[in-house]
Amino acid sequence: MPLDLIAAVCNALAIDPLARGLQIADADKLARQHFPHIDPDLPVLVVQARSRAIARACKRALMLLYPRDHIVTRIDAAGKAKQKIERLPLAKLDRANAYNAWTTWYIPPLSRPSSMNTLGQVVAHLRAPDGCPWDRAQTHRSLRKDFLEECYEVLETLDQNDVPHLREELGDLLLHIFLQTQIAAEAGEFLLTDVVADIAAKLVRRHPHVFGDVRVNGTDEIVANWEQIKQSENGGKKKRSVIPHALPALASAQKIAKRRKSAASIQAIAASVRRLSHARNRERALGELLFLVAVYATNQRIDAESALRSVARQPAG
């Protein structure tokens, strides 16, 4: 990456890279990233955008962090006689007529702090000696109830297809993840970086058809490979997964049905309905009926919990 290009661009924009924490990104590398390795709370120079194809790929990656109308400054031939500077929205990053080794974009920070580092700082401050007494008093266990409630609120927005509120509820859920990891870090149990590293490594390991050279034919083979890899992670022993006690009854029944490879027919369900009217233990008979329905839903690849919630919430009449 030519230092003279960076110096010329900074001079053209009248910015001090050291004073402002300027990030430098090579356009060709950025174009190959599925998620940009950039902190949106700091300014960034994307240098050497040599072609429209690279510009298009960079735009696609950057739009995972910045809004479409985020203003970018494009600099061509910085420090030369034909130097050109223009401001344009991110969405038009790939609309120019020409690109070359001098094409550079300056991307300013977002208008309000928005990075994971920002959230980490806020949560750490809340738990600090000069922070909030309520947050400082929390433990892994004390946050459990609120954590579960936030999960259900996310599900609520999904059930209602309420995208504006989904954004808010995901933020509340993310706060709990940061709080839990902050508490763990203070106790010397694990770090946020450990959590991220573990799940990233697991996803790569369990998707060899994406990150390796394994070939698959359909989702059934993907699931089969996933289970085989899980088994190998446990020293070759098949690990019996634990069904959480807090899981809703219908969801729990479907997991049990899937594990047992149970089957149920409409005829079996109808017979269970008929037995219900004269059963001595009607609670158990009803439970057996509901379990059969859950099994049937599993066989049909229907999420029984979502199906019931969608009907139960409809207005009566």
C-alpha atoms as a PDB file:
ATOM      1  CA  MET A   1       0.000   0.000   0.000  1.00  0.00           C
ATOM      2  CA  PRO A   2       1.795   3.191  -1.170  1.00  0.00           C
ATOM      3  CA  LEU A   3       2.449   5.603   1.665  1.00  0.00           C
ATOM      4  CA  ASP A   4       2.719   8.499  -0.768  1.00  0.00           C
ATOM      5  CA  LEU A   5      -0.881   7.915  -1.880  1.00  0.00           C
ATOM      6  CA  ILE A   6      -2.136   7.936   1.725  1.00  0.00           C
ATOM      7  CA  ALA A   7      -0.143  11.075   2.521  1.00  0.00           C
ATOM      8  CA  ALA A   8      -1.468  12.830  -0.583  1.00  0.00           C
ATOM      9  CA  VAL A   9      -5.079  11.931   0.204  1.00  0.00           C
ATOM     10  CA  CYS A  10      -4.784  13.102   3.817  1.00  0.00           C
ATOM     11  CA  ASN A  11      -3.233  16.337   2.603  1.00  0.00           C
ATOM     12  CA  ALA A  12      -6.031  16.844   0.028  1.00  0.00           C
ATOM     13  CA  LEU A  13      -8.689  16.290   2.698  1.00  0.00           C
ATOM     14  CA  ALA A  14      -6.784  18.288   5.344  1.00  0.00           C
ATOM     15  CA  ILE A  15      -6.966  15.476   7.872  1.00  0.00           C
ATOM     16  CA  ASP A  16      -4.409  14.237  10.397  1.00  0.00           C
ATOM     17  CA  PRO A  17      -4.507  10.412  10.319  1.00  0.00           C
ATOM     18  CA  LEU A  18      -2.788  10.080  13.689  1.00  0.00           C
ATOM     19  CA  ALA A  19      -5.076  12.502  15.496  1.00  0.00           C
ATOM     20  CA  ARG A  20      -8.306  10.963  14.217  1.00  0.00           C
ATOM     21  CA  GLY A  21      -7.500   7.254  14.415  1.00  0.00           C
ATOM     22  CA  LEU A  22      -7.730   6.844  10.655  1.00  0.00           C
ATOM     23  CA  GLN A  23      -8.178   3.285   9.379  1.00  0.00           C
ATOM     24  CA  ILE A  24      -6.647   2.216   6.061  1.00  0.00           C
ATOM     25  CA  ALA A  25      -8.354  -0.479   3.979  1.00  0.00           C
ATOM     26  CA  ASP A  26      -7.166  -1.878   0.676  1.00  0.00           C
ATOM     27  CA  ALA A  27     -10.088  -1.917  -1.760  1.00  0.00           C
ATOM     28  CA  ASP A  28      -9.136  -5.269  -3.256  1.00  0.00           C
ATOM     29  CA  LYS A  29      -9.063  -6.944   0.182  1.00  0.00           C
ATOM     30  CA  LEU A  30     -12.271  -5.208   1.269  1.00  0.00           C
ATOM     31  CA  ALA A  31     -13.992  -6.448  -1.903  1.00  0.00           C
ATOM     32  CA  ARG A  32     -13.262 -10.038  -0.849  1.00  0.00           C
ATOM     33  CA  GLN A  33     -14.643  -9.634   2.680  1.00  0.00           C
ATOM     34  CA  HIS A  34     -18.183 -10.830   3.358  1.00  0.00           C
ATOM     35  CA  PHE A  35     -18.246  -8.476   6.339  1.00  0.00           C
ATOM     36  CA  PRO A  36     -15.996  -5.392   6.439  1.00  0.00           C
ATOM     37  CA  HIS A  37     -13.153  -5.417   8.972  1.00  0.00           C
ATOM     38  CA  ILE A  38     -13.838  -1.794   9.846  1.00  0.00           C
ATOM     39  CA  ASP A  39     -14.845   0.135  12.967  1.00  0.00           C
ATOM     40  CA  PRO A  40     -17.678   2.482  11.837  1.00  0.00           C
ATOM     41  CA  ASP A  41     -16.987   4.827  14.748  1.00  0.00           C
ATOM     42  CA  LEU A  42     -13.644   5.766  13.192  1.00  0.00           C
ATOM     43  CA  PRO A  43     -12.879   7.293   9.782  1.00  0.00           C
ATOM     44  CA  VAL A  44     -11.507   5.032   7.060  1.00  0.00           C
ATOM     45  CA  LEU A  45      -9.658   5.426   3.787  1.00  0.00           C
ATOM     46  CA  VAL A  46     -10.364   2.768   1.168  1.00  0.00           C
ATOM     47  CA  VAL A  47      -7.487   2.975  -1.291  1.00  0.00           C
ATOM     48  CA  GLN A  48      -6.720   1.722  -4.789  1.00  0.00           C
ATOM     49  CA  ALA A  49     -10.244   1.003  -6.046  1.00  0.00           C
ATOM     50  CA  ARG A  50      -8.965  -0.017  -9.473  1.00  0.00           C
ATOM     51  CA  SER A  51     -12.200  -1.129 -11.169  1.00  0.00           C
ATOM     52  CA  ARG A  52     -15.971  -0.912 -11.158  1.00  0.00           C
ATOM     53  CA  ALA A  53     -16.185  -4.577 -10.107  1.00  0.00           C
ATOM     54  CA  ILE A  54     -14.039  -3.870  -7.034  1.00  0.00           C
ATOM     55  CA  ALA A  55     -16.113  -0.771  -6.275  1.00  0.00           C
ATOM     56  CA  ARG A  56     -19.334  -2.766  -6.500  1.00  0.00           C
ATOM     57  CA  ALA A  57     -18.023  -5.484  -4.164  1.00  0.00           C
ATOM     58  CA  CYS A  58     -16.731  -2.859  -1.701  1.00  0.00           C
ATOM     59  CA  LYS A  59     -20.101  -1.129  -1.697  1.00  0.00           C
ATOM     60  CA  ARG A  60     -21.864  -4.405  -0.973  1.00  0.00           C
ATOM     61  CA  ALA A  61     -19.618  -5.043   2.042  1.00  0.00           C
ATOM     62  CA  LEU A  62     -19.749  -1.462   3.353  1.00  0.00           C
ATOM     63  CA  MET A  63     -23.551  -1.372   3.215  1.00  0.00           C
ATOM     64  CA  LEU A  64     -23.565  -3.986   5.991  1.00  0.00           C
ATOM     65  CA  LEU A  65     -22.199  -1.262   8.295  1.00  0.00           C
ATOM     66  CA  TYR A  66     -23.279   2.062   6.796  1.00  0.00           C
ATOM     67  CA  PRO A  67     -26.646   3.343   5.480  1.00  0.00           C
ATOM     68  CA  ARG A  68     -27.111   3.813   1.734  1.00  0.00           C
ATOM     69  CA  ASP A  69     -27.108   7.610   2.039  1.00  0.00           C
ATOM     70  CA  HIS A  70     -23.906   7.819   4.108  1.00  0.00           C
ATOM     71  CA  ILE A  71     -21.780  10.475   2.385  1.00  0.00           C
ATOM     72  CA  VAL A  72     -18.417   9.313   1.054  1.00  0.00           C
ATOM     73  CA  THR A  73     -15.676  11.540  -0.373  1.00  0.00           C
ATOM     74  CA  ARG A  74     -13.999  10.218  -3.523  1.00  0.00           C
ATOM     75  CA  ILE A  75     -10.483  11.434  -4.342  1.00  0.00           C
ATOM     76  CA  ASP A  76      -8.813  10.794  -7.706  1.00  0.00           C
ATOM     77  CA  ALA A  77      -5.152  11.519  -8.507  1.00  0.00           C
ATOM     78  CA  ALA A  78      -4.529  13.026  -5.075  1.00  0.00           C
ATOM     79  CA  GLY A  79      -1.693  15.564  -5.098  1.00  0.00           C
ATOM     80  CA  LYS A  80      -1.554  15.664  -8.891  1.00  0.00           C
ATOM     81  CA  ALA A  81      -2.519  18.335 -11.376  1.00  0.00           C
ATOM     82  CA  LYS A  82      -5.803  16.646 -12.366  1.00  0.00           C
ATOM     83  CA  GLN A  83      -6.853  15.974  -8.789  1.00  0.00           C
ATOM     84  CA  LYS A  84     -10.624  15.550  -8.393  1.00  0.00           C
ATOM     85  CA  ILE A  85     -12.651  15.456  -5.168  1.00  0.00           C
ATOM     86  CA  GLU A  86     -16.385  14.726  -5.016  1.00  0.00           C
ATOM     87  CA  ARG A  87     -18.918  13.781  -2.356  1.00  0.00           C
ATOM     88  CA  LEU A  88     -21.477  11.085  -3.064  1.00  0.00           C
ATOM     89  CA  PRO A  89     -23.767   8.703  -1.173  1.00  0.00           C
ATOM     90  CA  LEU A  90     -22.446   5.209  -0.489  1.00  0.00           C
ATOM     91  CA  ALA A  91     -25.091   3.711  -2.783  1.00  0.00           C
ATOM     92  CA  LYS A  92     -23.407   5.418  -5.768  1.00  0.00           C
ATOM     93  CA  LEU A  93     -19.899   4.234  -4.991  1.00  0.00           C
ATOM     94  CA  ASP A  94     -19.782   2.134  -8.175  1.00  0.00           C
ATOM     95  CA  ARG A  95     -21.381   4.702 -10.524  1.00  0.00           C
ATOM     96  CA  ALA A  96     -18.228   6.533 -11.655  1.00  0.00           C
ATOM     97  CA  ASN A  97     -17.015   6.379 -15.261  1.00  0.00           C
ATOM     98  CA  ALA A  98     -13.423   5.458 -14.461  1.00  0.00           C
ATOM     99  CA  TYR A  99     -11.314   3.867 -11.724  1.00  0.00           C
ATOM    100  CA  ASN A 100      -7.557   3.561 -11.275  1.00  0.00           C
ATOM    101  CA  ALA A 101      -4.816   2.920  -8.717  1.00  0.00           C
ATOM    102  CA  TRP A 102      -5.316   6.433  -7.297  1.00  0.00           C
ATOM    103  CA  THR A 103      -9.065   6.120  -6.699  1.00  0.00           C
ATOM    104  CA  THR A 104      -9.641   6.472  -2.953  1.00  0.00           C
ATOM    105  CA  TRP A 105     -12.725   6.855  -0.775  1.00  0.00           C
ATOM    106  CA  TYR A 106     -12.823   8.644   2.558  1.00  0.00           C
ATOM    107  CA  ILE A 107     -15.625   7.313   4.742  1.00  0.00           C
ATOM    108  CA  PRO A 108     -16.375   9.425   7.831  1.00  0.00           C
ATOM    109  CA  PRO A 109     -17.606   7.877  11.083  1.00  0.00           C
ATOM    110  CA  LEU A 110     -21.305   7.247  11.533  1.00  0.00           C
ATOM    111  CA  SER A 111     -23.265  10.165  12.952  1.00  0.00           C
ATOM    112  CA  ARG A 112     -23.640   8.440  16.330  1.00  0.00           C
ATOM    113  CA  PRO A 113     -21.436   5.808  18.049  1.00  0.00           C
ATOM    114  CA  SER A 114     -22.564   2.429  16.708  1.00  0.00           C
ATOM    115  CA  SER A 115     -19.778  -0.155  16.986  1.00  0.00           C
ATOM    116  CA  MET A 116     -19.480  -3.215  19.197  1.00  0.00           C
ATOM    117  CA  ASN A 117     -16.635  -1.376  20.942  1.00  0.00           C
ATOM    118  CA  THR A 118     -19.063   1.399  21.849  1.00  0.00           C
ATOM    119  CA  LEU A 119     -21.539  -1.008  23.393  1.00  0.00           C
ATOM    120  CA  GLY A 120     -18.726  -2.789  25.236  1.00  0.00           C
ATOM    121  CA  GLN A 121     -17.577   0.540  26.673  1.00  0.00           C
ATOM    122  CA  VAL A 122     -21.108   1.481  27.813  1.00  0.00           C
ATOM    123  CA  VAL A 123     -21.696  -1.886  29.508  1.00  0.00           C
ATOM    124  CA  ALA A 124     -18.257  -1.892  31.161  1.00  0.00           C
ATOM    125  CA  HIS A 125     -18.905   1.641  32.468  1.00  0.00           C
ATOM    126  CA  LEU A 126     -22.271   0.549  33.900  1.00  0.00           C
ATOM    127  CA  ARG A 127     -20.461  -2.213  35.821  1.00  0.00           C
ATOM    128  CA  ALA A 128     -17.550   0.021  36.891  1.00  0.00           C
ATOM    129  CA  PRO A 129     -17.183   1.493  40.409  1.00  0.00           C
ATOM    130  CA  ASP A 130     -18.555   4.797  39.100  1.00  0.00           C
ATOM    131  CA  GLY A 131     -21.326   3.050  37.187  1.00  0.00           C
ATOM    132  CA  CYS A 132     -24.907   2.056  37.999  1.00  0.00           C
ATOM    133  CA  PRO A 133     -25.590   0.323  41.367  1.00  0.00           C
ATOM    134  CA  TRP A 134     -28.293  -1.871  39.796  1.00  0.00           C
ATOM    135  CA  ASP A 135     -26.022  -3.084  36.971  1.00  0.00           C
ATOM    136  CA  ARG A 136     -23.137  -3.643  39.388  1.00  0.00           C
ATOM    137  CA  ALA A 137     -25.360  -5.852  41.567  1.00  0.00           C
ATOM    138  CA  GLN A 138     -26.328  -8.226  38.749  1.00  0.00           C
ATOM    139  CA  THR A 139     -25.062 -11.795  38.438  1.00  0.00           C
ATOM    140  CA  HIS A 140     -25.362 -14.475  35.775  1.00  0.00           C
ATOM    141  CA  ARG A 141     -28.339 -15.900  37.655  1.00  0.00           C
ATOM    142  CA  SER A 142     -30.109 -12.641  38.521  1.00  0.00           C
ATOM    143  CA  LEU A 143     -30.288 -11.677  34.830  1.00  0.00           C
ATOM    144  CA  ARG A 144     -31.879 -14.984  33.825  1.00  0.00           C
ATOM    145  CA  LYS A 145     -35.510 -13.881  34.090  1.00  0.00           C
ATOM    146  CA  ASP A 146     -34.963 -10.654  32.167  1.00  0.00           C
ATOM    147  CA  PHE A 147     -32.866 -12.479  29.569  1.00  0.00           C
ATOM    148  CA  LEU A 148     -35.668 -14.960  28.962  1.00  0.00           C
ATOM    149  CA  GLU A 149     -38.215 -12.149  28.742  1.00  0.00           C
ATOM    150  CA  GLU A 150     -36.101 -10.353  26.122  1.00  0.00           C
ATOM    151  CA  CYS A 151     -35.907 -13.573  24.072  1.00  0.00           C
ATOM    152  CA  TYR A 152     -39.692 -13.842  24.105  1.00  0.00           C
ATOM    153  CA  GLU A 153     -40.045 -10.192  23.098  1.00  0.00           C
ATOM    154  CA  VAL A 154     -37.833 -10.858  20.073  1.00  0.00           C
ATOM    155  CA  LEU A 155     -40.065 -13.831  19.185  1.00  0.00           C
ATOM    156  CA  GLU A 156     -43.107 -11.600  19.587  1.00  0.00           C
ATOM    157  CA  THR A 157     -41.825  -9.143  16.985  1.00  0.00           C
ATOM    158  CA  LEU A 158     -41.015 -12.035  14.640  1.00  0.00           C
ATOM    159  CA  ASP A 159     -44.517 -13.472  15.043  1.00  0.00           C
ATOM    160  CA  GLN A 160     -46.003 -10.071  14.237  1.00  0.00           C
ATOM    161  CA  ASN A 161     -43.518  -9.348  11.447  1.00  0.00           C
ATOM    162  CA  ASP A 162     -42.851  -6.083  13.284  1.00  0.00           C
ATOM    163  CA  VAL A 163     -39.493  -5.164  11.740  1.00  0.00           C
ATOM    164  CA  PRO A 164     -39.193  -1.659  13.308  1.00  0.00           C
ATOM    165  CA  HIS A 165     -39.545  -3.109  16.815  1.00  0.00           C
ATOM    166  CA  LEU A 166     -37.367  -6.133  15.957  1.00  0.00           C
ATOM    167  CA  ARG A 167     -34.420  -3.730  15.727  1.00  0.00           C
ATOM    168  CA  GLU A 168     -35.126  -2.459  19.257  1.00  0.00           C
ATOM    169  CA  GLU A 169     -35.692  -5.906  20.763  1.00  0.00           C
ATOM    170  CA  LEU A 170     -32.515  -7.333  19.219  1.00  0.00           C
ATOM    171  CA  GLY A 171     -30.656  -4.447  20.866  1.00  0.00           C
ATOM    172  CA  ASP A 172     -32.120  -5.368  24.257  1.00  0.00           C
ATOM    173  CA  LEU A 173     -31.093  -8.990  23.729  1.00  0.00           C
ATOM    174  CA  LEU A 174     -27.587  -7.960  22.654  1.00  0.00           C
ATOM    175  CA  LEU A 175     -27.277  -5.903  25.832  1.00  0.00           C
ATOM    176  CA  HIS A 176     -27.853  -9.060  27.880  1.00  0.00           C
ATOM    177  CA  ILE A 177     -25.163 -10.927  25.966  1.00  0.00           C
ATOM    178  CA  PHE A 178     -22.698  -8.109  26.672  1.00  0.00           C
ATOM    179  CA  LEU A 179     -23.737  -7.966  30.335  1.00  0.00           C
ATOM    180  CA  GLN A 180     -23.264 -11.711  30.777  1.00  0.00           C
ATOM    181  CA  THR A 181     -19.822 -11.628  29.158  1.00  0.00           C
ATOM    182  CA  GLN A 182     -18.811  -8.538  31.159  1.00  0.00           C
ATOM    183  CA  ILE A 183     -19.741 -10.308  34.401  1.00  0.00           C
ATOM    184  CA  ALA A 184     -17.761 -13.364  33.263  1.00  0.00           C
ATOM    185  CA  ALA A 185     -14.729 -11.248  32.337  1.00  0.00           C
ATOM    186  CA  GLU A 186     -14.724  -9.543  35.751  1.00  0.00           C
ATOM    187  CA  ALA A 187     -14.833 -12.951  37.449  1.00  0.00           C
ATOM    188  CA  GLY A 188     -12.021 -14.317  35.277  1.00  0.00           C
ATOM    189  CA  GLU A 189     -14.340 -16.922  33.732  1.00  0.00           C
ATOM    190  CA  PHE A 190     -14.123 -16.024  30.047  1.00  0.00           C
ATOM    191  CA  LEU A 191     -13.998 -12.998  27.732  1.00  0.00           C
ATOM    192  CA  LEU A 192     -16.286 -11.648  25.030  1.00  0.00           C
ATOM    193  CA  THR A 193     -13.507 -12.481  22.573  1.00  0.00           C
ATOM    194  CA  ASP A 194     -13.640 -16.101  23.758  1.00  0.00           C
ATOM    195  CA  VAL A 195     -17.377 -16.247  23.038  1.00  0.00           C
ATOM    196  CA  VAL A 196     -16.928 -14.798  19.556  1.00  0.00           C
ATOM    197  CA  ALA A 197     -13.892 -16.976  18.764  1.00  0.00           C
ATOM    198  CA  ASP A 198     -15.687 -20.146  19.907  1.00  0.00           C
ATOM    199  CA  ILE A 199     -18.818 -19.621  17.820  1.00  0.00           C
ATOM    200  CA  ALA A 200     -16.864 -18.433  14.764  1.00  0.00           C
ATOM    201  CA  ALA A 201     -14.633 -21.510  14.907  1.00  0.00           C
ATOM    202  CA  LYS A 202     -17.639 -23.799  15.411  1.00  0.00           C
ATOM    203  CA  LEU A 203     -19.466 -22.348  12.409  1.00  0.00           C
ATOM    204  CA  VAL A 204     -16.408 -22.760  10.185  1.00  0.00           C
ATOM    205  CA  ARG A 205     -15.786 -26.295  11.468  1.00  0.00           C
ATOM    206  CA  ARG A 206     -19.384 -27.386  10.956  1.00  0.00           C
ATOM    207  CA  HIS A 207     -19.701 -25.908   7.470  1.00  0.00           C
ATOM    208  CA  PRO A 208     -16.958 -27.701   5.533  1.00  0.00           C
ATOM    209  CA  HIS A 209     -19.083 -27.370   2.387  1.00  0.00           C
ATOM    210  CA  VAL A 210     -18.654 -23.584   2.676  1.00  0.00           C
ATOM    211  CA  PHE A 211     -15.214 -23.145   4.248  1.00  0.00           C
ATOM    212  CA  GLY A 212     -13.634 -26.405   3.047  1.00  0.00           C
ATOM    213  CA  ASP A 213     -13.734 -28.713   0.059  1.00  0.00           C
ATOM    214  CA  VAL A 214     -16.613 -30.981   1.098  1.00  0.00           C
ATOM    215  CA  ARG A 215     -19.370 -31.343  -1.474  1.00  0.00           C
ATOM    216  CA  VAL A 216     -22.977 -31.857  -0.457  1.00  0.00           C
ATOM    217  CA  ASN A 217     -26.184 -32.646  -2.283  1.00  0.00           C
ATOM    218  CA  GLY A 218     -29.056 -30.911  -0.497  1.00  0.00           C
ATOM    219  CA  THR A 219     -29.836 -29.882   3.065  1.00  0.00           C
ATOM    220  CA  ASP A 220     -30.229 -33.476   4.316  1.00  0.00           C
ATOM    221  CA  GLU A 221     -26.522 -34.093   3.717  1.00  0.00           C
ATOM    222  CA  ILE A 222     -25.672 -30.780   5.383  1.00  0.00           C
ATOM    223  CA  VAL A 223     -27.583 -31.825   8.525  1.00  0.00           C
ATOM    224  CA  ALA A 224     -26.003 -35.291   8.463  1.00  0.00           C
ATOM    225  CA  ASN A 225     -22.498 -33.762   8.208  1.00  0.00           C
ATOM    226  CA  TRP A 226     -23.334 -31.366  11.051  1.00  0.00           C
ATOM    227  CA  GLU A 227     -24.293 -34.259  13.337  1.00  0.00           C
ATOM    228  CA  GLN A 228     -21.200 -36.257  12.352  1.00  0.00           C
ATOM    229  CA  ILE A 229     -18.929 -33.307  13.096  1.00  0.00           C
ATOM    230  CA  LYS A 230     -20.656 -32.766  16.470  1.00  0.00           C
ATOM    231  CA  GLN A 231     -19.968 -36.404  17.311  1.00  0.00           C
ATOM    232  CA  SER A 232     -16.286 -36.097  16.349  1.00  0.00           C
ATOM    233  CA  GLU A 233     -15.991 -33.024  18.599  1.00  0.00           C
ATOM    234  CA  ASN A 234     -17.031 -35.225  21.513  1.00  0.00           C
ATOM    235  CA  GLY A 235     -14.212 -37.729  21.004  1.00  0.00           C
ATOM    236  CA  GLY A 236     -16.276 -39.947  18.729  1.00  0.00           C
ATOM    237  CA  LYS A 237     -18.991 -40.441  21.331  1.00  0.00           C
ATOM    238  CA  LYS A 238     -22.495 -39.405  20.436  1.00  0.00           C
ATOM    239  CA  LYS A 239     -23.418 -36.655  22.849  1.00  0.00           C
ATOM    240  CA  ARG A 240     -26.983 -36.719  24.054  1.00  0.00           C
ATOM    241  CA  SER A 241     -28.249 -33.176  23.710  1.00  0.00           C
ATOM    242  CA  VAL A 242     -30.179 -31.836  26.671  1.00  0.00           C
ATOM    243  CA  ILE A 243     -33.617 -30.359  26.036  1.00  0.00           C
ATOM    244  CA  PRO A 244     -33.868 -27.170  28.133  1.00  0.00           C
ATOM    245  CA  HIS A 245     -36.510 -27.353  30.871  1.00  0.00           C
ATOM    246  CA  ALA A 246     -37.562 -23.766  30.130  1.00  0.00           C
ATOM    247  CA  LEU A 247     -38.451 -24.626  26.533  1.00  0.00           C
ATOM    248  CA  PRO A 248     -42.203 -24.263  25.799  1.00  0.00           C
ATOM    249  CA  ALA A 249     -44.057 -27.597  25.975  1.00  0.00           C
ATOM    250  CA  LEU A 250     -44.885 -27.842  22.265  1.00  0.00           C
ATOM    251  CA  ALA A 251     -41.318 -27.044  21.223  1.00  0.00           C
ATOM    252  CA  SER A 252     -40.006 -29.553  23.775  1.00  0.00           C
ATOM    253  CA  ALA A 253     -42.414 -32.224  22.479  1.00  0.00           C
ATOM    254  CA  GLN A 254     -41.218 -31.661  18.916  1.00  0.00           C
ATOM    255  CA  LYS A 255     -37.585 -32.060  19.921  1.00  0.00           C
ATOM    256  CA  ILE A 256     -38.440 -35.308  21.732  1.00  0.00           C
ATOM    257  CA  ALA A 257     -40.399 -36.539  18.717  1.00  0.00           C
ATOM    258  CA  LYS A 258     -37.499 -35.768  16.407  1.00  0.00           C
ATOM    259  CA  ARG A 259     -35.041 -37.533  18.686  1.00  0.00           C
ATOM    260  CA  ARG A 260     -37.262 -40.618  18.929  1.00  0.00           C
ATOM    261  CA  LYS A 261     -38.087 -40.478  15.203  1.00  0.00           C
ATOM    262  CA  SER A 262     -41.754 -40.760  16.183  1.00  0.00           C
ATOM    263  CA  ALA A 263     -44.557 -40.771  13.624  1.00  0.00           C
ATOM    264  CA  ALA A 264     -48.242 -39.800  13.866  1.00  0.00           C
ATOM    265  CA  SER A 265     -51.109 -39.860  11.403  1.00  0.00           C
ATOM    266  CA  ILE A 266     -54.340 -37.919  11.131  1.00  0.00           C
ATOM    267  CA  GLN A 267     -56.157 -41.165  11.946  1.00  0.00           C
ATOM    268  CA  ALA A 268     -54.185 -41.583  15.183  1.00  0.00           C
ATOM    269  CA  ILE A 269     -54.968 -38.007  16.164  1.00  0.00           C
ATOM    270  CA  ALA A 270     -58.681 -38.530  15.426  1.00  0.00           C
ATOM    271  CA  ALA A 271     -58.698 -41.691  17.575  1.00  0.00           C
ATOM    272  CA  SER A 272     -57.048 -39.763  20.421  1.00  0.00           C
ATOM    273  CA  VAL A 273     -59.742 -37.085  20.148  1.00  0.00           C
ATOM    274  CA  ARG A 274     -62.469 -39.747  20.465  1.00  0.00           C
ATOM    275  CA  ARG A 275     -60.827 -41.263  23.562  1.00  0.00           C
ATOM    276  CA  LEU A 276     -60.676 -37.858  25.212  1.00  0.00           C
ATOM    277  CA  SER A 277     -64.451 -37.664  25.829  1.00  0.00           C
ATOM    278  CA  HIS A 278     -64.555 -40.785  28.040  1.00  0.00           C
ATOM    279  CA  ALA A 279     -61.033 -40.857  29.472  1.00  0.00           C
ATOM    280  CA  ARG A 280     -60.696 -41.269  33.233  1.00  0.00           C
ATOM    281  CA  ASN A 281     -57.598 -39.098  33.362  1.00  0.00           C
ATOM    282  CA  ARG A 282     -58.543 -36.363  30.940  1.00  0.00           C
ATOM    283  CA  GLU A 283     -55.388 -34.338  31.639  1.00  0.00           C
ATOM    284  CA  ARG A 284     -53.173 -37.228  30.563  1.00  0.00           C
ATOM    285  CA  ALA A 285     -55.413 -38.006  27.595  1.00  0.00           C
ATOM    286  CA  LEU A 286     -55.216 -34.388  26.489  1.00  0.00           C
ATOM    287  CA  GLY A 287     -51.441 -34.466  26.889  1.00  0.00           C
ATOM    288  CA  GLU A 288     -51.242 -37.572  24.703  1.00  0.00           C
ATOM    289  CA  LEU A 289     -53.380 -35.853  22.079  1.00  0.00           C
ATOM    290  CA  LEU A 290     -51.209 -32.735  22.118  1.00  0.00           C
ATOM    291  CA  PHE A 291     -48.065 -34.855  21.873  1.00  0.00           C
ATOM    292  CA  LEU A 292     -49.498 -36.660  18.831  1.00  0.00           C
ATOM    293  CA  VAL A 293     -50.232 -33.289  17.238  1.00  0.00           C
ATOM    294  CA  ALA A 294     -46.659 -32.179  17.970  1.00  0.00           C
ATOM    295  CA  VAL A 295     -45.327 -35.397  16.420  1.00  0.00           C
ATOM    296  CA  TYR A 296     -47.493 -34.878  13.342  1.00  0.00           C
ATOM    297  CA  ALA A 297     -46.244 -31.301  13.027  1.00  0.00           C
ATOM    298  CA  THR A 298     -42.658 -32.564  13.270  1.00  0.00           C
ATOM    299  CA  ASN A 299     -43.295 -35.099  10.500  1.00  0.00           C
ATOM    300  CA  GLN A 300     -44.727 -32.314   8.331  1.00  0.00           C
ATOM    301  CA  ARG A 301     -41.823 -29.954   9.186  1.00  0.00           C
ATOM    302  CA  ILE A 302     -44.192 -27.467  10.785  1.00  0.00           C
ATOM    303  CA  ASP A 303     -43.224 -25.434  13.855  1.00  0.00           C
ATOM    304  CA  ALA A 304     -46.143 -26.288  16.139  1.00  0.00           C
ATOM    305  CA  GLU A 305     -45.343 -23.466  18.574  1.00  0.00           C
ATOM    306  CA  SER A 306     -45.515 -20.809  15.854  1.00  0.00           C
ATOM    307  CA  ALA A 307     -48.600 -22.391  14.292  1.00  0.00           C
ATOM    308  CA  LEU A 308     -50.511 -22.322  17.581  1.00  0.00           C
ATOM    309  CA  ARG A 309     -49.392 -18.794  18.472  1.00  0.00           C
ATOM    310  CA  SER A 310     -50.473 -17.436  15.085  1.00  0.00           C
ATOM    311  CA  VAL A 311     -53.998 -18.838  15.521  1.00  0.00           C
ATOM    312  CA  ALA A 312     -54.374 -18.106  19.243  1.00  0.00           C
ATOM    313  CA  ARG A 313     -53.582 -14.420  18.714  1.00  0.00           C
ATOM    314  CA  GLN A 314     -56.190 -13.948  16.004  1.00  0.00           C
ATOM    315  CA  PRO A 315     -59.261 -11.955  17.082  1.00  0.00           C
ATOM    316  CA  ALA A 316     -62.214 -14.112  18.123  1.00  0.00           C
ATOM    317  CA  GLY A 317     -65.215 -14.274  15.847  1.00  0.00           C
END
